[in-house]
Each structure stands twice: as C-alpha cells, then as structure tokens.
PDB file of N, CA and C in Angstrom:
ATOM      1  N   MET A   1       0.846  -1.178   0.000  1.00  0.00           N
ATOM      2  CA  MET A   1       0.000   0.000   0.000  1.00  0.00           C
ATOM      3  C   MET A   1       0.889   1.239   0.000  1.00  0.00           C
ATOM      4  N   LYS A   2       0.566   2.206  -0.843  1.00  0.00           N
ATOM      5  CA  LYS A   2       1.332   3.434  -0.902  1.00  0.00           C
ATOM      6  C   LYS A   2       1.178   4.210   0.399  1.00  0.00           C
ATOM      7  N   LYS A   3       2.189   5.046   0.681  1.00  0.00           N
ATOM      8  CA  LYS A   3       2.186   5.837   1.905  1.00  0.00           C
ATOM      9  C   LYS A   3       0.955   6.751   1.972  1.00  0.00           C
ATOM     10  N   ALA A   4       0.620   7.424   0.852  1.00  0.00           N
ATOM     11  CA  ALA A   4      -0.536   8.331   0.836  1.00  0.00           C
ATOM     12  C   ALA A   4      -1.828   7.565   1.092  1.00  0.00           C
ATOM     13  N   ALA A   5      -1.955   6.400   0.487  1.00  0.00           N
ATOM     14  CA  ALA A   5      -3.168   5.595   0.682  1.00  0.00           C
ATOM     15  C   ALA A   5      -3.293   5.149   2.131  1.00  0.00           C
ATOM     16  N   ALA A   6      -2.169   4.803   2.747  1.00  0.00           N
ATOM     17  CA  ALA A   6      -2.194   4.385   4.150  1.00  0.00           C
ATOM     18  C   ALA A   6      -2.617   5.536   5.051  1.00  0.00           C
ATOM     19  N   SER A   7      -2.120   6.742   4.767  1.00  0.00           N
ATOM     20  CA  SER A   7      -2.479   7.880   5.615  1.00  0.00           C
ATOM     21  C   SER A   7      -3.959   8.229   5.474  1.00  0.00           C
ATOM     22  N   LEU A   8      -4.514   8.077   4.263  1.00  0.00           N
ATOM     23  CA  LEU A   8      -5.933   8.371   4.073  1.00  0.00           C
ATOM     24  C   LEU A   8      -6.816   7.323   4.726  1.00  0.00           C
ATOM     25  N   SER A   9      -6.376   6.076   4.684  1.00  0.00           N
ATOM     26  CA  SER A   9      -7.196   5.017   5.278  1.00  0.00           C
ATOM     27  C   SER A   9      -7.193   5.084   6.803  1.00  0.00           C
ATOM     28  N   SER A  10      -6.182   5.732   7.377  1.00  0.00           N
ATOM     29  CA  SER A  10      -6.115   5.835   8.833  1.00  0.00           C
ATOM     30  C   SER A  10      -6.606   7.199   9.337  1.00  0.00           C
ATOM     31  N   LEU A  11      -7.335   7.917   8.505  1.00  0.00           N
ATOM     32  CA  LEU A  11      -7.863   9.220   8.891  1.00  0.00           C
ATOM     33  C   LEU A  11      -8.789   9.064  10.092  1.00  0.00           C
ATOM     34  N   PRO A  12      -8.563   9.836  11.153  1.00  0.00           N
ATOM     35  CA  PRO A  12      -9.408   9.716  12.348  1.00  0.00           C
ATOM     36  C   PRO A  12     -10.870  10.067  12.045  1.00  0.00           C
ATOM     37  N   GLU A  13     -11.753   9.464  12.780  1.00  0.00           N
ATOM     38  CA  GLU A  13     -13.196   9.667  12.590  1.00  0.00           C
ATOM     39  C   GLU A  13     -13.608  11.137  12.666  1.00  0.00           C
ATOM     40  N   PRO A  14     -13.103  11.928  13.637  1.00  0.00           N
ATOM     41  CA  PRO A  14     -13.498  13.340  13.660  1.00  0.00           C
ATOM     42  C   PRO A  14     -13.077  14.087  12.390  1.00  0.00           C
ATOM     43  N   ALA A  15     -11.924  13.745  11.833  1.00  0.00           N
ATOM     44  CA  ALA A  15     -11.466  14.378  10.596  1.00  0.00           C
ATOM     45  C   ALA A  15     -12.368  13.962   9.429  1.00  0.00           C
ATOM     46  N   GLN A  16     -12.754  12.697   9.397  1.00  0.00           N
ATOM     47  CA  GLN A  16     -13.663  12.223   8.346  1.00  0.00           C
ATOM     48  C   GLN A  16     -14.997  12.955   8.426  1.00  0.00           C
ATOM     49  N   GLN A  17     -15.500  13.138   9.626  1.00  0.00           N
ATOM     50  CA  GLN A  17     -16.780  13.827   9.810  1.00  0.00           C
ATOM     51  C   GLN A  17     -16.686  15.291   9.385  1.00  0.00           C
ATOM     52  N   SER A  18     -15.543  15.924   9.660  1.00  0.00           N
ATOM     53  CA  SER A  18     -15.354  17.319   9.251  1.00  0.00           C
ATOM     54  C   SER A  18     -15.350  17.440   7.737  1.00  0.00           C
ATOM     55  N   LEU A  19     -14.694  16.508   7.054  1.00  0.00           N
ATOM     56  CA  LEU A  19     -14.671  16.525   5.590  1.00  0.00           C
ATOM     57  C   LEU A  19     -16.069  16.294   5.017  1.00  0.00           C
ATOM     58  N   LEU A  20     -16.807  15.379   5.619  1.00  0.00           N
ATOM     59  CA  LEU A  20     -18.172  15.110   5.171  1.00  0.00           C
ATOM     60  C   LEU A  20     -19.052  16.342   5.354  1.00  0.00           C
ATOM     61  N   SER A  21     -18.913  17.007   6.488  1.00  0.00           N
ATOM     62  CA  SER A  21     -19.678  18.225   6.751  1.00  0.00           C
ATOM     63  C   SER A  21     -19.303  19.333   5.768  1.00  0.00           C
ATOM     64  N   LEU A  22     -18.014  19.474   5.473  1.00  0.00           N
ATOM     65  CA  LEU A  22     -17.566  20.455   4.487  1.00  0.00           C
ATOM     66  C   LEU A  22     -18.181  20.157   3.124  1.00  0.00           C
ATOM     67  N   GLY A  23     -18.171  18.899   2.731  1.00  0.00           N
ATOM     68  CA  GLY A  23     -18.768  18.508   1.456  1.00  0.00           C
ATOM     69  C   GLY A  23     -20.245  18.848   1.388  1.00  0.00           C
ATOM     70  N   GLN A  24     -20.951  18.640   2.479  1.00  0.00           N
ATOM     71  CA  GLN A  24     -22.378  18.960   2.516  1.00  0.00           C
ATOM     72  C   GLN A  24     -22.613  20.462   2.387  1.00  0.00           C
ATOM     73  N   ARG A  25     -21.745  21.256   3.012  1.00  0.00           N
ATOM     74  CA  ARG A  25     -21.876  22.716   2.896  1.00  0.00           C
ATOM     75  C   ARG A  25     -21.568  23.180   1.473  1.00  0.00           C
ATOM     76  N   LEU A  26     -20.548  22.573   0.856  1.00  0.00           N
ATOM     77  CA  LEU A  26     -20.232  22.921  -0.531  1.00  0.00           C
ATOM     78  C   LEU A  26     -21.405  22.585  -1.449  1.00  0.00           C
ATOM     79  N   ARG A  27     -22.025  21.431  -1.216  1.00  0.00           N
ATOM     80  CA  ARG A  27     -23.186  21.028  -2.014  1.00  0.00           C
ATOM     81  C   ARG A  27     -24.326  22.029  -1.843  1.00  0.00           C
ATOM     82  N   ALA A  28     -24.550  22.462  -0.605  1.00  0.00           N
ATOM     83  CA  ALA A  28     -25.619  23.436  -0.341  1.00  0.00           C
ATOM     84  C   ALA A  28     -25.346  24.755  -1.075  1.00  0.00           C
ATOM     85  N   HIS A  29     -24.090  25.195  -1.092  1.00  0.00           N
ATOM     86  CA  HIS A  29     -23.742  26.421  -1.821  1.00  0.00           C
ATOM     87  C   HIS A  29     -23.990  26.251  -3.316  1.00  0.00           C
ATOM     88  N   ARG A  30     -23.593  25.094  -3.851  1.00  0.00           N
ATOM     89  CA  ARG A  30     -23.786  24.834  -5.280  1.00  0.00           C
ATOM     90  C   ARG A  30     -25.276  24.855  -5.621  1.00  0.00           C
ATOM     91  N   ILE A  31     -26.058  24.172  -4.832  1.00  0.00           N
ATOM     92  CA  ILE A  31     -27.501  24.079  -5.078  1.00  0.00           C
ATOM     93  C   ILE A  31     -28.168  25.450  -4.933  1.00  0.00           C
ATOM     94  N   SER A  32     -27.716  26.243  -3.953  1.00  0.00           N
ATOM     95  CA  SER A  32     -28.313  27.566  -3.760  1.00  0.00           C
ATOM     96  C   SER A  32     -28.089  28.469  -4.971  1.00  0.00           C
ATOM     97  N   ARG A  33     -27.049  28.193  -5.732  1.00  0.00           N
ATOM     98  CA  ARG A  33     -26.792  28.958  -6.950  1.00  0.00           C
ATOM     99  C   ARG A  33     -27.471  28.355  -8.173  1.00  0.00           C
ATOM    100  N   GLY A  34     -28.087  27.187  -7.991  1.00  0.00           N
ATOM    101  CA  GLY A  34     -28.803  26.533  -9.083  1.00  0.00           C
ATOM    102  C   GLY A  34     -27.884  25.854 -10.090  1.00  0.00           C
ATOM    103  N   TRP A  35     -26.660  25.507  -9.667  1.00  0.00           N
ATOM    104  CA  TRP A  35     -25.697  24.863 -10.556  1.00  0.00           C
ATOM    105  C   TRP A  35     -25.764  23.352 -10.426  1.00  0.00           C
ATOM    106  N   THR A  36     -25.656  22.663 -11.540  1.00  0.00           N
ATOM    107  CA  THR A  36     -25.583  21.200 -11.518  1.00  0.00           C
ATOM    108  C   THR A  36     -24.153  20.791 -11.210  1.00  0.00           C
ATOM    109  N   VAL A  37     -23.969  19.499 -10.939  1.00  0.00           N
ATOM    110  CA  VAL A  37     -22.622  18.973 -10.714  1.00  0.00           C
ATOM    111  C   VAL A  37     -21.756  19.224 -11.943  1.00  0.00           C
ATOM    112  N   ALA A  38     -22.311  18.984 -13.127  1.00  0.00           N
ATOM    113  CA  ALA A  38     -21.555  19.187 -14.368  1.00  0.00           C
ATOM    114  C   ALA A  38     -21.160  20.655 -14.547  1.00  0.00           C
ATOM    115  N   GLU A  39     -22.058  21.568 -14.229  1.00  0.00           N
ATOM    116  CA  GLU A  39     -21.749  22.997 -14.353  1.00  0.00           C
ATOM    117  C   GLU A  39     -20.667  23.416 -13.360  1.00  0.00           C
ATOM    118  N   MET A  40     -20.761  22.911 -12.156  1.00  0.00           N
ATOM    119  CA  MET A  40     -19.756  23.241 -11.145  1.00  0.00           C
ATOM    120  C   MET A  40     -18.392  22.713 -11.557  1.00  0.00           C
ATOM    121  N   ALA A  41     -18.354  21.483 -12.017  1.00  0.00           N
ATOM    122  CA  ALA A  41     -17.092  20.881 -12.448  1.00  0.00           C
ATOM    123  C   ALA A  41     -16.498  21.664 -13.620  1.00  0.00           C
ATOM    124  N   GLU A  42     -17.341  22.100 -14.532  1.00  0.00           N
ATOM    125  CA  GLU A  42     -16.864  22.880 -15.676  1.00  0.00           C
ATOM    126  C   GLU A  42     -16.259  24.199 -15.212  1.00  0.00           C
ATOM    127  N   ARG A  43     -16.906  24.845 -14.263  1.00  0.00           N
ATOM    128  CA  ARG A  43     -16.384  26.104 -13.729  1.00  0.00           C
ATOM    129  C   ARG A  43     -15.051  25.903 -13.017  1.00  0.00           C
ATOM    130  N   LEU A  44     -14.871  24.748 -12.385  1.00  0.00           N
ATOM    131  CA  LEU A  44     -13.638  24.454 -11.642  1.00  0.00           C
ATOM    132  C   LEU A  44     -12.553  23.817 -12.513  1.00  0.00           C
ATOM    133  N   LEU A  45     -12.901  23.521 -13.754  1.00  0.00           N
ATOM    134  CA  LEU A  45     -11.964  22.848 -14.665  1.00  0.00           C
ATOM    135  C   LEU A  45     -11.527  21.498 -14.121  1.00  0.00           C
ATOM    136  N   CYS A  46     -12.481  20.785 -13.543  1.00  0.00           N
ATOM    137  CA  CYS A  46     -12.211  19.436 -13.052  1.00  0.00           C
ATOM    138  C   CYS A  46     -13.319  18.518 -13.564  1.00  0.00           C
ATOM    139  N   SER A  47     -13.202  17.253 -13.296  1.00  0.00           N
ATOM    140  CA  SER A  47     -14.224  16.314 -13.738  1.00  0.00           C
ATOM    141  C   SER A  47     -15.400  16.310 -12.746  1.00  0.00           C
ATOM    142  N   PRO A  48     -16.573  15.930 -13.213  1.00  0.00           N
ATOM    143  CA  PRO A  48     -17.704  15.792 -12.284  1.00  0.00           C
ATOM    144  C   PRO A  48     -17.397  14.784 -11.168  1.00  0.00           C
ATOM    145  N   THR A  49     -16.610  13.775 -11.480  1.00  0.00           N
ATOM    146  CA  THR A  49     -16.238  12.783 -10.464  1.00  0.00           C
ATOM    147  C   THR A  49     -15.430  13.431  -9.341  1.00  0.00           C
ATOM    148  N   THR A  50     -14.510  14.321  -9.706  1.00  0.00           N
ATOM    149  CA  THR A  50     -13.708  15.022  -8.693  1.00  0.00           C
ATOM    150  C   THR A  50     -14.592  15.900  -7.832  1.00  0.00           C
ATOM    151  N   TRP A  51     -15.530  16.614  -8.467  1.00  0.00           N
ATOM    152  CA  TRP A  51     -16.429  17.471  -7.685  1.00  0.00           C
ATOM    153  C   TRP A  51     -17.303  16.626  -6.757  1.00  0.00           C
ATOM    154  N   ARG A  52     -17.811  15.506  -7.256  1.00  0.00           N
ATOM    155  CA  ARG A  52     -18.630  14.624  -6.404  1.00  0.00           C
ATOM    156  C   ARG A  52     -17.812  14.113  -5.214  1.00  0.00           C
ATOM    157  N   ALA A  53     -16.531  13.824  -5.451  1.00  0.00           N
ATOM    158  CA  ALA A  53     -15.661  13.359  -4.359  1.00  0.00           C
ATOM    159  C   ALA A  53     -15.509  14.454  -3.305  1.00  0.00           C
ATOM    160  N   LEU A  54     -15.383  15.701  -3.742  1.00  0.00           N
ATOM    161  CA  LEU A  54     -15.261  16.814  -2.803  1.00  0.00           C
ATOM    162  C   LEU A  54     -16.547  16.980  -2.008  1.00  0.00           C
ATOM    163  N   GLU A  55     -17.670  16.931  -2.679  1.00  0.00           N
ATOM    164  CA  GLU A  55     -18.961  17.018  -1.987  1.00  0.00           C
ATOM    165  C   GLU A  55     -19.187  15.824  -1.069  1.00  0.00           C
ATOM    166  N   GLY A  56     -18.618  14.687  -1.428  1.00  0.00           N
ATOM    167  CA  GLY A  56     -18.786  13.482  -0.620  1.00  0.00           C
ATOM    168  C   GLY A  56     -17.830  13.391   0.552  1.00  0.00           C
ATOM    169  N   GLY A  57     -16.931  14.376   0.691  1.00  0.00           N
ATOM    170  CA  GLY A  57     -16.002  14.381   1.822  1.00  0.00           C
ATOM    171  C   GLY A  57     -14.849  13.407   1.669  1.00  0.00           C
ATOM    172  N   LYS A  58     -14.518  13.041   0.434  1.00  0.00           N
ATOM    173  CA  LYS A  58     -13.414  12.118   0.198  1.00  0.00           C
ATOM    174  C   LYS A  58     -12.098  12.799   0.540  1.00  0.00           C
ATOM    175  N   ALA A  59     -11.276  12.137   1.316  1.00  0.00           N
ATOM    176  CA  ALA A  59     -10.036  12.728   1.820  1.00  0.00           C
ATOM    177  C   ALA A  59      -8.973  12.925   0.749  1.00  0.00           C
ATOM    178  N   GLY A  60      -9.019  12.217  -0.341  1.00  0.00           N
ATOM    179  CA  GLY A  60      -7.976  12.311  -1.355  1.00  0.00           C
ATOM    180  C   GLY A  60      -8.174  13.417  -2.370  1.00  0.00           C
ATOM    181  N   THR A  61      -9.199  14.223  -2.212  1.00  0.00           N
ATOM    182  CA  THR A  61      -9.474  15.287  -3.167  1.00  0.00           C
ATOM    183  C   THR A  61      -8.456  16.411  -3.000  1.00  0.00           C
ATOM    184  N   SER A  62      -8.049  17.002  -4.115  1.00  0.00           N
ATOM    185  CA  SER A  62      -7.011  18.033  -4.128  1.00  0.00           C
ATOM    186  C   SER A  62      -7.392  19.262  -3.307  1.00  0.00           C
ATOM    187  N   VAL A  63      -6.439  19.754  -2.555  1.00  0.00           N
ATOM    188  CA  VAL A  63      -6.645  20.994  -1.808  1.00  0.00           C
ATOM    189  C   VAL A  63      -6.786  22.160  -2.784  1.00  0.00           C
ATOM    190  N   GLY A  64      -6.117  22.066  -3.925  1.00  0.00           N
ATOM    191  CA  GLY A  64      -6.238  23.108  -4.938  1.00  0.00           C
ATOM    192  C   GLY A  64      -7.655  23.213  -5.476  1.00  0.00           C
ATOM    193  N   VAL A  65      -8.293  22.079  -5.692  1.00  0.00           N
ATOM    194  CA  VAL A  65      -9.686  22.090  -6.161  1.00  0.00           C
ATOM    195  C   VAL A  65     -10.580  22.684  -5.075  1.00  0.00           C
ATOM    196  N   LEU A  66     -10.311  22.349  -3.831  1.00  0.00           N
ATOM    197  CA  LEU A  66     -11.081  22.909  -2.720  1.00  0.00           C
ATOM    198  C   LEU A  66     -10.925  24.423  -2.670  1.00  0.00           C
ATOM    199  N   ALA A  67      -9.693  24.918  -2.770  1.00  0.00           N
ATOM    200  CA  ALA A  67      -9.454  26.360  -2.727  1.00  0.00           C
ATOM    201  C   ALA A  67     -10.157  27.058  -3.896  1.00  0.00           C
ATOM    202  N   HIS A  68     -10.097  26.455  -5.077  1.00  0.00           N
ATOM    203  CA  HIS A  68     -10.760  27.033  -6.247  1.00  0.00           C
ATOM    204  C   HIS A  68     -12.273  27.064  -6.027  1.00  0.00           C
ATOM    205  N   ALA A  69     -12.823  25.998  -5.485  1.00  0.00           N
ATOM    206  CA  ALA A  69     -14.267  25.946  -5.223  1.00  0.00           C
ATOM    207  C   ALA A  69     -14.679  27.003  -4.210  1.00  0.00           C
ATOM    208  N   LEU A  70     -13.905  27.149  -3.150  1.00  0.00           N
ATOM    209  CA  LEU A  70     -14.222  28.164  -2.143  1.00  0.00           C
ATOM    210  C   LEU A  70     -14.176  29.562  -2.747  1.00  0.00           C
ATOM    211  N   TRP A  71     -13.200  29.810  -3.615  1.00  0.00           N
ATOM    212  CA  TRP A  71     -13.123  31.107  -4.294  1.00  0.00           C
ATOM    213  C   TRP A  71     -14.354  31.328  -5.175  1.00  0.00           C
ATOM    214  N   LEU A  72     -14.701  30.308  -5.947  1.00  0.00           N
ATOM    215  CA  LEU A  72     -15.833  30.406  -6.856  1.00  0.00           C
ATOM    216  C   LEU A  72     -17.139  30.656  -6.100  1.00  0.00           C
ATOM    217  N   LEU A  73     -17.264  30.074  -4.922  1.00  0.00           N
ATOM    218  CA  LEU A  73     -18.478  30.210  -4.122  1.00  0.00           C
ATOM    219  C   LEU A  73     -18.441  31.431  -3.198  1.00  0.00           C
ATOM    220  N   GLY A  74     -17.361  32.206  -3.275  1.00  0.00           N
ATOM    221  CA  GLY A  74     -17.243  33.389  -2.428  1.00  0.00           C
ATOM    222  C   GLY A  74     -16.970  33.078  -0.976  1.00  0.00           C
ATOM    223  N   GLN A  75     -16.345  31.943  -0.708  1.00  0.00           N
ATOM    224  CA  GLN A  75     -16.103  31.501   0.656  1.00  0.00           C
ATOM    225  C   GLN A  75     -14.617  31.351   0.973  1.00  0.00           C
ATOM    226  N   LEU A  76     -13.750  31.982   0.189  1.00  0.00           N
ATOM    227  CA  LEU A  76     -12.310  31.798   0.358  1.00  0.00           C
ATOM    228  C   LEU A  76     -11.812  32.297   1.710  1.00  0.00           C
ATOM    229  N   ASP A  77     -12.488  33.260   2.310  1.00  0.00           N
ATOM    230  CA  ASP A  77     -12.079  33.743   3.630  1.00  0.00           C
ATOM    231  C   ASP A  77     -12.082  32.617   4.655  1.00  0.00           C
ATOM    232  N   GLY A  78     -12.955  31.648   4.464  1.00  0.00           N
ATOM    233  CA  GLY A  78     -13.005  30.507   5.376  1.00  0.00           C
ATOM    234  C   GLY A  78     -11.720  29.701   5.353  1.00  0.00           C
ATOM    235  N   LEU A  79     -11.072  29.632   4.200  1.00  0.00           N
ATOM    236  CA  LEU A  79      -9.821  28.903   4.097  1.00  0.00           C
ATOM    237  C   LEU A  79      -8.723  29.616   4.880  1.00  0.00           C
ATOM    238  N   ASP A  80      -8.728  30.944   4.849  1.00  0.00           N
ATOM    239  CA  ASP A  80      -7.733  31.708   5.589  1.00  0.00           C
ATOM    240  C   ASP A  80      -7.882  31.529   7.097  1.00  0.00           C
ATOM    241  N   ALA A  81      -9.068  31.172   7.555  1.00  0.00           N
ATOM    242  CA  ALA A  81      -9.306  31.007   8.984  1.00  0.00           C
ATOM    243  C   ALA A  81      -8.831  29.652   9.505  1.00  0.00           C
ATOM    244  N   LEU A  82      -8.473  28.738   8.604  1.00  0.00           N
ATOM    245  CA  LEU A  82      -8.031  27.416   9.034  1.00  0.00           C
ATOM    246  C   LEU A  82      -6.657  27.468   9.697  1.00  0.00           C
ATOM    247  N   ALA A  83      -6.507  26.801  10.782  1.00  0.00           N
ATOM    248  CA  ALA A  83      -5.237  26.642  11.491  1.00  0.00           C
ATOM    249  C   ALA A  83      -4.465  27.946  11.603  1.00  0.00           C
ATOM    250  N   PRO A  84      -5.006  28.923  12.323  1.00  0.00           N
ATOM    251  CA  PRO A  84      -4.280  30.179  12.474  1.00  0.00           C
ATOM    252  C   PRO A  84      -2.937  29.941  13.157  1.00  0.00           C
ATOM    253  N   ALA A  85      -1.971  30.763  12.808  1.00  0.00           N
ATOM    254  CA  ALA A  85      -0.631  30.622  13.377  1.00  0.00           C
ATOM    255  C   ALA A  85      -0.695  30.876  14.881  1.00  0.00           C
ATOM    256  N   PRO A  86       0.054  30.093  15.642  1.00  0.00           N
ATOM    257  CA  PRO A  86       0.058  30.313  17.091  1.00  0.00           C
ATOM    258  C   PRO A  86       0.753  31.633  17.422  1.00  0.00           C
ATOM    259  N   LEU A  87       0.310  32.252  18.485  1.00  0.00           N
ATOM    260  CA  LEU A  87       0.937  33.486  18.932  1.00  0.00           C
ATOM    261  C   LEU A  87       2.291  33.151  19.554  1.00  0.00           C
ATOM    262  N   VAL A  88       3.283  33.955  19.245  1.00  0.00           N
ATOM    263  CA  VAL A  88       4.609  33.751  19.815  1.00  0.00           C
ATOM    264  C   VAL A  88       4.601  34.361  21.206  1.00  0.00           C
ATOM    265  N   ALA A  89       5.113  33.607  22.168  1.00  0.00           N
ATOM    266  CA  ALA A  89       5.141  34.079  23.547  1.00  0.00           C
ATOM    267  C   ALA A  89       5.967  35.357  23.648  1.00  0.00           C
ATOM    268  N   ALA A  90       5.537  36.291  24.485  1.00  0.00           N
ATOM    269  CA  ALA A  90       6.242  37.559  24.662  1.00  0.00           C
ATOM    270  C   ALA A  90       7.673  37.296  25.115  1.00  0.00           C
ATOM    271  N   GLY A  91       8.595  38.006  24.495  1.00  0.00           N
ATOM    272  CA  GLY A  91       9.995  37.867  24.858  1.00  0.00           C
ATOM    273  C   GLY A  91      10.708  36.728  24.159  1.00  0.00           C
ATOM    274  N   ARG A  92       9.982  35.909  23.454  1.00  0.00           N
ATOM    275  CA  ARG A  92      10.598  34.773  22.762  1.00  0.00           C
ATOM    276  C   ARG A  92      11.008  35.209  21.367  1.00  0.00           C
ATOM    277  N   ARG A  93      12.229  34.971  21.015  1.00  0.00           N
ATOM    278  CA  ARG A  93      12.724  35.370  19.705  1.00  0.00           C
ATOM    279  C   ARG A  93      12.496  34.254  18.704  1.00  0.00           C
ATOM    280  N   VAL A  94      12.159  34.647  17.507  1.00  0.00           N
ATOM    281  CA  VAL A  94      11.993  33.695  16.422  1.00  0.00           C
ATOM    282  C   VAL A  94      13.200  33.849  15.515  1.00  0.00           C
ATOM    283  N   ARG A  95      13.895  32.765  15.259  1.00  0.00           N
ATOM    284  CA  ARG A  95      15.088  32.816  14.424  1.00  0.00           C
ATOM    285  C   ARG A  95      14.713  32.828  12.956  1.00  0.00           C
ATOM    286  N   ARG A  96      15.473  33.587  12.205  1.00  0.00           N
ATOM    287  CA  ARG A  96      15.323  33.594  10.758  1.00  0.00           C
ATOM    288  C   ARG A  96      16.712  33.727  10.156  1.00  0.00           C
ATOM    289  N   ALA A  97      16.830  33.311   8.925  1.00  0.00           N
ATOM    290  CA  ALA A  97      18.124  33.371   8.245  1.00  0.00           C
ATOM    291  C   ALA A  97      18.552  34.820   8.058  1.00  0.00           C
ATOM    292  N   ALA A  98      19.852  35.047   8.140  1.00  0.00           N
ATOM    293  CA  ALA A  98      20.388  36.399   7.952  1.00  0.00           C
ATOM    294  C   ALA A  98      20.012  36.912   6.571  1.00  0.00           C
ATOM    295  N   GLY A  99      19.636  38.163   6.502  1.00  0.00           N
ATOM    296  CA  GLY A  99      19.283  38.776   5.231  1.00  0.00           C
ATOM    297  C   GLY A  99      17.835  38.571   4.821  1.00  0.00           C
ATOM    298  N   GLN A 100      17.095  37.788   5.569  1.00  0.00           N
ATOM    299  CA  GLN A 100      15.687  37.548   5.251  1.00  0.00           C
ATOM    300  C   GLN A 100      14.841  38.675   5.830  1.00  0.00           C
ATOM    301  N   PRO A 101      13.812  39.110   5.104  1.00  0.00           N
ATOM    302  CA  PRO A 101      12.955  40.192   5.608  1.00  0.00           C
ATOM    303  C   PRO A 101      12.142  39.732   6.815  1.00  0.00           C
ATOM    304  N   VAL A 102      11.768  40.682   7.624  1.00  0.00           N
ATOM    305  CA  VAL A 102      10.939  40.392   8.789  1.00  0.00           C
ATOM    306  C   VAL A 102       9.520  40.140   8.288  1.00  0.00           C
ATOM    307  N   PRO A 103       8.909  39.006   8.648  1.00  0.00           N
ATOM    308  CA  PRO A 103       7.546  38.717   8.188  1.00  0.00           C
ATOM    309  C   PRO A 103       6.570  39.806   8.627  1.00  0.00           C
ATOM    310  N   GLY A 104       5.723  40.199   7.705  1.00  0.00           N
ATOM    311  CA  GLY A 104       4.701  41.188   8.012  1.00  0.00           C
ATOM    312  C   GLY A 104       5.142  42.620   7.792  1.00  0.00           C
ATOM    313  N   ARG A 105       6.424  42.843   7.590  1.00  0.00           N
ATOM    314  CA  ARG A 105       6.915  44.200   7.356  1.00  0.00           C
ATOM    315  C   ARG A 105       6.947  44.459   5.851  1.00  0.00           C
ATOM    316  N   ILE A 106       6.414  45.587   5.435  1.00  0.00           N
ATOM    317  CA  ILE A 106       6.369  45.941   4.022  1.00  0.00           C
ATOM    318  C   ILE A 106       7.691  46.579   3.638  1.00  0.00           C
ATOM    319  N   SER A 107       8.325  46.057   2.612  1.00  0.00           N
ATOM    320  CA  SER A 107       9.605  46.612   2.160  1.00  0.00           C
ATOM    321  C   SER A 107       9.355  47.818   1.256  1.00  0.00           C
ATOM    322  N   GLY A 108      10.393  48.599   1.048  1.00  0.00           N
ATOM    323  CA  GLY A 108      10.273  49.809   0.242  1.00  0.00           C
ATOM    324  C   GLY A 108       9.869  49.543  -1.192  1.00  0.00           C
ATOM    325  N   ASP A 109      10.374  48.450  -1.790  1.00  0.00           N
ATOM    326  CA  ASP A 109      10.029  48.172  -3.184  1.00  0.00           C
ATOM    327  C   ASP A 109       8.590  47.692  -3.343  1.00  0.00           C
ATOM    328  N   GLU A 110       7.949  47.235  -2.273  1.00  0.00           N
ATOM    329  CA  GLU A 110       6.544  46.847  -2.353  1.00  0.00           C
ATOM    330  C   GLU A 110       5.608  48.062  -2.341  1.00  0.00           C
ATOM    331  N   LEU A 111       6.136  49.205  -1.873  1.00  0.00           N
ATOM    332  CA  LEU A 111       5.314  50.406  -1.806  1.00  0.00           C
ATOM    333  C   LEU A 111       5.251  51.143  -3.136  1.00  0.00           C
ATOM    334  N   ASP A 112       6.106  50.767  -4.081  1.00  0.00           N
ATOM    335  CA  ASP A 112       6.146  51.426  -5.375  1.00  0.00           C
ATOM    336  C   ASP A 112       5.167  50.766  -6.324  1.00  0.00           C
ATOM    337  N   PHE A 113       3.961  51.289  -6.376  1.00  0.00           N
ATOM    338  CA  PHE A 113       2.960  50.776  -7.291  1.00  0.00           C
ATOM    339  C   PHE A 113       2.390  51.902  -8.030  1.00  0.00           C
TER     340      PHE A 113
END
C-alpha cells in the first residue's frame, strides 16, 4: 500500500466527519446557486467525479480544487481562517536566516505601485 493511501485510510473519525460536513456545505452552496454537478465541475476545470468526491467528503481530493471551489463560491475567507498561526510568547525570539525580511513588514520596493 502506498504511503498516501495508508495515511488516508487511517484518517481519524473526527477528521472524516469534518470533511463530510464540508462537502455537505459545498453542495448546499452549489444548489443555492442553481448549478448542476456538471456545471460546477466545468467552472472548476475538473471532472464531475472530482467534484462529487469533494462534496462526498473524500479525503484524497485536491486541496487546490477545494481552494478554487471556495473562491468560486465566495467563501475563500473561510480557508484563511483554518489553522491560524500560534501566537509567539512575549519575549521569545523567532530565528530567521540572515538577510531575510521580517515577516509582516512591508519593504520599500513593495510600496512602489
């Protein structure tokens, strides 16, 4: 058995339920717009089988297809809310390679638009 297949088959039950719930919400969004499975797949440039797998909560579906679907449905902000970065404890230094920009700081060349 391939490593990826083994990891998907051992997916914990709570994770499986979350994927199933996500698929149901995606289906509800699609239906609320009056789009068929074929129309949704065409908009996403994927096969209807791939879209059905996403709606069905299948764990092997591409994250890229999910991100594209969320964008198409106007729900991409939800993806940004997943697994927020932990807050760094006060006084704790985060190491970075020399010469690398400080994350979150806008450099001078980014201001030239």
